[in-house]
N, C-alpha and C. Protein backbone atom coordinates (compact mmCIF):
# COMPACT_ATOMS: atom_id res chain seq x y z
N UNK A 1 -3.98 -1.70 -8.68
CA UNK A 1 -4.72 -0.37 -8.63
C UNK A 1 -6.29 -0.18 -7.90
N UNK A 2 -6.55 0.20 -7.06
CA UNK A 2 -7.82 0.20 -6.52
C UNK A 2 -8.19 1.25 -6.31
N UNK A 3 -9.43 2.09 -6.04
CA UNK A 3 -10.37 3.03 -5.22
C UNK A 3 -10.77 2.41 -4.21
N UNK A 4 -10.63 3.31 -2.88
CA UNK A 4 -10.68 2.66 -1.77
C UNK A 4 -11.54 3.52 -0.49
N UNK A 5 -12.36 3.06 0.27
CA UNK A 5 -12.95 3.92 1.40
C UNK A 5 -12.05 3.47 2.35
N UNK A 6 -12.20 4.23 3.72
CA UNK A 6 -11.10 4.38 4.88
C UNK A 6 -11.88 3.17 5.28
N UNK A 7 -10.76 2.33 6.14
CA UNK A 7 -11.21 1.25 7.09
C UNK A 7 -10.17 1.59 8.06
N UNK A 8 -10.75 1.75 9.25
CA UNK A 8 -9.91 1.58 10.31
C UNK A 8 -9.20 0.51 10.75
N UNK A 9 -7.79 -0.13 11.24
CA UNK A 9 -7.52 -1.23 11.27
C UNK A 9 -7.39 -1.18 12.61
N UNK A 10 -8.41 -1.88 13.28
CA UNK A 10 -8.56 -2.10 15.14
C UNK A 10 -7.74 -2.81 15.59
N UNK A 11 -7.35 -2.45 17.12
CA UNK A 11 -6.12 -2.92 17.81
C UNK A 11 -4.95 -3.39 16.97
N UNK A 12 -4.09 -2.03 16.23
CA UNK A 12 -2.77 -2.01 16.04
C UNK A 12 -2.02 -0.65 15.94
N UNK A 13 -1.66 -0.61 16.44
CA UNK A 13 -0.93 0.74 16.67
C UNK A 13 0.09 0.82 15.51
N UNK A 14 0.01 2.36 15.06
CA UNK A 14 0.79 2.77 13.68
C UNK A 14 2.42 2.48 13.80
N UNK A 15 2.79 2.24 15.23
CA UNK A 15 4.12 2.10 15.22
C UNK A 15 4.76 0.58 14.66
N UNK A 16 3.48 -0.12 14.88
CA UNK A 16 3.68 -1.72 14.32
C UNK A 16 3.59 -1.51 12.86
N UNK A 17 4.81 -2.63 12.42
CA UNK A 17 4.46 -2.63 10.91
C UNK A 17 3.96 -4.07 10.40
N UNK A 18 3.27 -4.14 9.38
CA UNK A 18 2.89 -5.32 8.70
C UNK A 18 4.33 -6.33 8.66
N UNK A 19 4.20 -7.73 8.64
CA UNK A 19 5.16 -8.29 8.66
C UNK A 19 5.38 -8.64 6.68
N UNK A 20 6.76 -8.70 6.11
CA UNK A 20 6.80 -8.96 4.76
C UNK A 20 6.40 -10.24 4.64
N UNK A 21 5.49 -10.42 3.33
CA UNK A 21 5.41 -11.58 2.54
C UNK A 21 5.81 -11.73 1.59
N UNK A 22 5.98 -13.04 1.25
CA UNK A 22 6.92 -13.24 0.01
C UNK A 22 6.24 -12.71 -1.46
N UNK A 23 6.89 -11.90 -1.79
CA UNK A 23 6.37 -10.51 -2.98
C UNK A 23 7.63 -10.68 -3.83
N UNK A 24 7.59 -10.30 -4.76
CA UNK A 24 8.77 -9.65 -5.57
C UNK A 24 9.35 -8.67 -5.23
N UNK A 25 9.05 -7.88 -4.30
CA UNK A 25 10.12 -6.84 -4.16
C UNK A 25 11.06 -7.15 -2.67
N UNK A 26 10.62 -8.54 -2.26
CA UNK A 26 11.22 -9.00 -1.08
C UNK A 26 12.67 -9.89 -1.51
N UNK A 27 12.00 -10.09 -3.10
CA UNK A 27 13.16 -11.35 -3.52
C UNK A 27 14.07 -10.40 -4.28
N UNK A 28 15.34 -10.70 -4.06
CA UNK A 28 16.27 -10.11 -5.18
C UNK A 28 16.17 -10.47 -6.51
N UNK A 29 16.16 -9.21 -7.27
CA UNK A 29 16.51 -9.54 -9.02
C UNK A 29 17.02 -8.59 -9.20
N UNK A 30 17.59 -8.98 -10.56
CA UNK A 30 17.67 -7.57 -11.41
C UNK A 30 16.96 -7.79 -12.56
N UNK A 31 16.45 -6.20 -12.52
CA UNK A 31 15.28 -5.60 -13.70
C UNK A 31 15.74 -4.63 -13.81
N UNK A 32 15.45 -4.31 -15.60
CA UNK A 32 15.83 -3.30 -15.89
C UNK A 32 14.44 -2.40 -15.86
N UNK A 33 15.08 -0.26 -15.51
CA UNK A 33 13.87 0.45 -15.40
C UNK A 33 13.00 0.35 -16.47
N UNK A 34 13.30 -0.29 -17.83
CA UNK A 34 12.61 -0.47 -18.73
C UNK A 34 11.33 -1.40 -18.77
N UNK A 35 11.79 -2.37 -17.41
CA UNK A 35 10.58 -3.60 -17.43
C UNK A 35 9.59 -3.02 -16.34
N UNK A 36 9.66 -1.91 -15.71
CA UNK A 36 8.76 -1.54 -14.45
C UNK A 36 7.60 -0.62 -15.37
N UNK A 37 6.73 -0.95 -14.79
CA UNK A 37 5.47 -0.02 -14.64
C UNK A 37 5.27 0.77 -13.88
N UNK A 38 4.15 2.17 -14.34
CA UNK A 38 3.81 2.66 -13.35
C UNK A 38 2.69 2.14 -12.74
N UNK A 39 2.51 2.15 -11.23
CA UNK A 39 1.31 1.31 -11.47
C UNK A 39 0.65 2.87 -10.10
N UNK A 40 -0.67 2.72 -9.94
CA UNK A 40 -1.32 4.01 -9.44
C UNK A 40 -2.56 3.31 -8.45
N UNK A 41 -1.82 4.07 -7.10
CA UNK A 41 -2.96 3.76 -6.08
C UNK A 41 -3.34 5.00 -5.57
N UNK A 42 -4.71 4.73 -5.40
CA UNK A 42 -6.18 5.55 -4.75
C UNK A 42 -6.80 5.08 -4.03
N UNK A 43 -6.92 6.04 -2.77
CA UNK A 43 -7.48 5.53 -1.44
C UNK A 43 -8.37 7.52 -0.88
N UNK A 44 -9.86 6.90 -1.53
CA UNK A 44 -10.56 7.69 -0.74
C UNK A 44 -10.78 7.75 0.51
N UNK A 45 -11.03 9.34 0.69
CA UNK A 45 -10.87 9.83 2.26
C UNK A 45 -10.46 11.30 2.36
N UNK A 46 -12.33 11.40 2.34
CA UNK A 46 -12.48 12.84 2.07
C UNK A 46 -11.75 13.79 3.53
N UNK A 47 -11.51 13.30 4.08
CA UNK A 47 -11.79 13.93 5.90
C UNK A 47 -10.45 13.76 6.20
N UNK A 48 -9.32 12.97 5.62
CA UNK A 48 -7.70 12.60 6.01
C UNK A 48 -6.95 14.26 5.91
N UNK A 49 -6.34 14.00 7.07
CA UNK A 49 -4.99 15.19 6.96
C UNK A 49 -4.16 14.77 6.08
N UNK A 50 -3.48 13.60 6.43
CA UNK A 50 -2.62 12.88 5.15
C UNK A 50 -2.42 11.23 4.89
N UNK A 51 -2.20 10.57 3.89
CA UNK A 51 -2.30 9.30 3.51
C UNK A 51 -0.89 8.90 3.14
N UNK A 52 -0.46 8.03 3.70
CA UNK A 52 0.77 7.68 3.13
C UNK A 52 0.54 6.07 2.45
N UNK A 53 1.25 5.24 1.64
CA UNK A 53 1.24 4.28 0.89
C UNK A 53 2.47 3.55 1.70
N UNK A 54 2.05 2.62 2.17
CA UNK A 54 3.16 1.87 2.91
C UNK A 54 3.03 0.44 2.30
N UNK A 55 4.26 -0.20 2.17
CA UNK A 55 4.50 -1.68 1.03
C UNK A 55 5.80 -1.93 1.83
N UNK A 56 5.81 -3.29 1.08
CA UNK A 56 7.08 -4.56 1.27
C UNK A 56 8.14 -3.39 0.38
N UNK A 57 7.58 -2.35 -0.76
CA UNK A 57 8.62 -1.92 -1.91
C UNK A 57 9.34 -0.52 -1.31
N UNK A 58 8.54 -0.28 0.23
CA UNK A 58 8.75 0.98 0.61
C UNK A 58 9.42 0.62 1.97
N UNK A 59 9.55 -0.58 2.27
CA UNK A 59 10.06 -1.19 3.67
C UNK A 59 8.97 -0.72 4.84
N UNK A 60 8.04 -0.50 3.82
CA UNK A 60 6.71 -0.60 5.56
C UNK A 60 6.84 1.02 5.91
N UNK A 61 6.81 1.33 7.21
CA UNK A 61 7.14 2.66 7.69
C UNK A 61 8.45 3.00 7.61
N UNK A 62 9.44 2.69 7.30
CA UNK A 62 10.69 3.27 7.15
C UNK A 62 10.56 4.46 6.06
N UNK A 63 9.96 4.14 4.88
CA UNK A 63 9.99 5.20 3.76
C UNK A 63 8.80 4.86 2.77
N UNK A 64 7.48 5.28 3.73
CA UNK A 64 6.34 5.25 3.17
C UNK A 64 6.37 6.42 2.40
N UNK A 65 5.14 5.90 0.97
CA UNK A 65 4.98 7.12 0.11
C UNK A 65 3.73 7.76 0.77
N UNK A 66 3.95 9.35 0.16
CA UNK A 66 2.89 10.50 0.94
C UNK A 66 2.27 10.33 -0.52
N UNK A 67 0.96 10.33 -0.18
CA UNK A 67 -0.19 10.46 -1.32
C UNK A 67 -0.25 11.73 -1.63
N UNK A 68 -0.79 12.28 -2.66
CA UNK A 68 -1.35 13.59 -2.93
C UNK A 68 -2.82 13.79 -3.00
N UNK A 69 -3.64 14.67 -2.25
CA UNK A 69 -5.01 14.55 -2.44
C UNK A 69 -5.58 15.24 -3.51
N UNK A 70 -6.77 14.75 -3.92
CA UNK A 70 -7.30 15.51 -5.14
C UNK A 70 -8.37 16.13 -4.93
N UNK A 71 -9.28 17.12 -5.70
CA UNK A 71 -10.18 17.76 -4.93
C UNK A 71 -11.58 16.90 -4.61
N UNK A 72 -11.76 15.67 -5.15
CA UNK A 72 -12.87 14.95 -4.70
C UNK A 72 -12.59 14.02 -2.90
N UNK A 73 -11.49 14.22 -2.73
CA UNK A 73 -11.30 13.37 -1.27
C UNK A 73 -10.36 12.14 -1.58
N UNK A 74 -10.00 11.92 -3.34
CA UNK A 74 -9.69 10.90 -3.26
C UNK A 74 -7.93 11.12 -3.21
N UNK A 75 -6.95 10.47 -2.54
CA UNK A 75 -5.64 10.28 -2.52
C UNK A 75 -4.85 9.63 -3.75
N UNK A 76 -3.69 9.97 -3.98
CA UNK A 76 -3.33 9.35 -5.34
C UNK A 76 -1.66 9.59 -5.25
N UNK A 77 -1.12 8.33 -5.78
CA UNK A 77 0.28 8.35 -5.69
C UNK A 77 0.57 7.50 -7.25
N UNK A 78 1.63 7.50 -7.76
CA UNK A 78 2.16 6.06 -8.79
C UNK A 78 3.34 5.88 -8.49
N UNK A 79 3.38 4.57 -8.55
CA UNK A 79 4.75 3.81 -8.05
C UNK A 79 5.45 2.77 -9.42
N UNK A 80 6.70 3.20 -9.78
CA UNK A 80 7.30 2.36 -10.78
C UNK A 80 7.36 0.99 -10.31
N UNK A 81 7.37 0.04 -10.38
CA UNK A 81 7.29 -1.34 -10.11
C UNK A 81 7.74 -2.36 -11.34
N UNK A 82 8.00 -3.36 -10.74
CA UNK A 82 8.47 -4.04 -12.03
C UNK A 82 7.32 -5.19 -11.88
N UNK A 83 7.24 -6.38 -12.74
CA UNK A 83 5.96 -7.41 -12.86
C UNK A 83 6.51 -8.17 -11.30
N UNK A 84 4.87 -8.38 -10.76
CA UNK A 84 5.33 -9.30 -9.48
C UNK A 84 3.90 -8.83 -8.71
N UNK A 85 4.44 -9.29 -7.38
CA UNK A 85 3.18 -9.20 -6.57
C UNK A 85 4.04 -8.49 -5.59
N UNK A 86 3.07 -7.66 -4.85
CA UNK A 86 3.27 -6.35 -3.51
C UNK A 86 2.41 -6.28 -2.35
N UNK A 87 2.97 -6.33 -1.34
CA UNK A 87 2.03 -6.31 -0.35
C UNK A 87 2.13 -5.19 0.18
N UNK A 88 0.51 -4.12 0.24
CA UNK A 88 0.85 -2.63 0.63
C UNK A 88 -0.10 -2.29 1.99
N UNK A 89 -0.94 -1.58 2.42
CA UNK A 89 -1.63 -0.80 3.23
C UNK A 89 -1.50 0.50 3.33
N UNK A 90 -2.23 1.44 3.76
CA UNK A 90 -2.53 2.60 3.87
C UNK A 90 -2.06 3.09 5.16
N UNK A 91 -1.66 4.07 5.52
CA UNK A 91 -1.65 4.76 6.71
C UNK A 91 -1.94 6.28 6.24
N UNK A 92 -3.60 6.11 7.01
CA UNK A 92 -4.65 7.32 7.47
C UNK A 92 -4.52 8.04 8.11
N UNK A 93 -3.86 9.34 8.61
CA UNK A 93 -3.98 10.43 9.80
C UNK A 93 -3.15 9.23 10.87
N UNK A 94 -2.46 9.11 10.58
CA UNK A 94 -1.49 8.07 11.91
C UNK A 94 -1.93 6.11 11.86
N UNK A 95 -3.20 5.73 11.41
CA UNK A 95 -3.66 4.68 11.40
C UNK A 95 -3.60 3.84 10.35
N UNK A 96 -3.49 2.59 10.56
CA UNK A 96 -3.45 1.55 9.28
C UNK A 96 -4.68 1.64 8.59
N UNK A 97 -4.98 1.73 7.37
CA UNK A 97 -6.26 1.22 6.59
C UNK A 97 -6.19 0.03 5.63
N UNK A 98 -7.30 -0.77 5.66
CA UNK A 98 -7.23 -1.96 4.43
C UNK A 98 -7.64 -0.64 3.06
N UNK A 99 -7.24 -2.02 1.85
CA UNK A 99 -7.89 -1.29 0.59
C UNK A 99 -9.02 -2.07 0.70
N UNK A 100 -10.24 -1.99 0.71
CA UNK A 100 -11.46 -2.86 0.64
C UNK A 100 -12.11 -3.14 -0.72
N UNK A 101 -11.23 -2.32 -1.60
CA UNK A 101 -11.29 -2.56 -3.16
C UNK A 101 -10.55 -3.62 -3.58
N UNK A 102 -9.27 -3.97 -3.03
CA UNK A 102 -8.45 -4.69 -3.21
C UNK A 102 -8.75 -6.51 -3.52
N UNK A 103 -8.38 -7.07 -4.57
CA UNK A 103 -8.67 -8.41 -5.09
C UNK A 103 -8.08 -9.53 -4.17
N UNK A 104 -6.68 -9.08 -4.06
CA UNK A 104 -6.01 -10.12 -3.23
C UNK A 104 -5.62 -9.52 -1.92
N UNK A 105 -5.37 -10.96 -0.92
CA UNK A 105 -4.82 -10.27 0.08
C UNK A 105 -3.90 -11.77 0.89
N UNK A 106 -3.36 -11.08 1.96
CA UNK A 106 -1.96 -11.74 2.27
C UNK A 106 -1.99 -11.57 3.99
N UNK A 107 -2.37 -12.70 4.93
CA UNK A 107 -2.22 -12.51 5.90
C UNK A 107 -1.11 -11.85 7.15
N UNK A 108 -1.38 -11.22 7.54
CA UNK A 108 -0.23 -10.38 8.73
C UNK A 108 0.03 -10.87 9.90
N UNK A 109 0.99 -10.83 10.81
CA UNK A 109 1.15 -11.34 12.03
C UNK A 109 0.14 -10.46 13.01
N UNK A 110 -0.59 -9.75 12.51
CA UNK A 110 -1.49 -8.82 13.43
C UNK A 110 -2.86 -9.03 13.35
N UNK A 111 -3.03 -10.18 12.36
CA UNK A 111 -4.51 -10.92 12.80
C UNK A 111 -5.04 -10.12 11.39
N UNK A 112 -4.94 -8.89 11.05
CA UNK A 112 -5.15 -8.88 9.79
C UNK A 112 -4.82 -9.48 8.60
N UNK A 113 -5.09 -8.22 7.21
CA UNK A 113 -4.55 -8.68 6.52
C UNK A 113 -4.07 -7.45 5.40
N UNK A 114 -2.96 -8.05 5.09
CA UNK A 114 -1.81 -6.93 3.78
C UNK A 114 -2.99 -6.93 2.45
N UNK A 115 -3.36 -5.51 1.53
CA UNK A 115 -3.58 -5.98 0.61
C UNK A 115 -2.22 -6.22 0.01
N UNK A 116 -2.66 -6.81 -1.82
CA UNK A 116 -1.46 -7.37 -2.72
C UNK A 116 -2.15 -7.10 -3.74
N UNK A 117 -1.12 -6.34 -4.69
CA UNK A 117 -1.11 -6.08 -6.06
C UNK A 117 -0.60 -6.96 -6.67
N UNK A 118 -0.89 -7.27 -7.74
CA UNK A 118 -0.08 -8.16 -9.17
C UNK A 118 0.50 -7.36 -10.28
N UNK A 119 1.13 -7.21 -10.29
CA UNK A 119 1.75 -6.07 -11.44
C UNK A 119 1.97 -6.98 -12.67
N UNK A 120 1.54 -7.47 -13.83
CA UNK A 120 1.48 -8.06 -14.99
C UNK A 120 3.06 -7.84 -15.48
């Protein structure tokens, strides 16, 4: 969970999706809903018309999560996730955006990196 500023991803079309990295959601496993935690994602972009969360747990662009804009221009969503590591990026007005406040990253085939969140 991190609060971020918008950073446009240069040289990548929004129609391309970042590759999946070996993360918890890309490995199959049986875990009860009780073991899930609500993880909050925040993205600061006051001028954006829309922000979506795309991740390995949303099948990237197949089912991105629409975020809700707060009065201060921060976009917010909460996602139930079980313990593990998950790769994600933001889509801001159709452009891929980094989470510069994220501590962990994993390379993708587009020459940039996905943010990675670790859920304890």
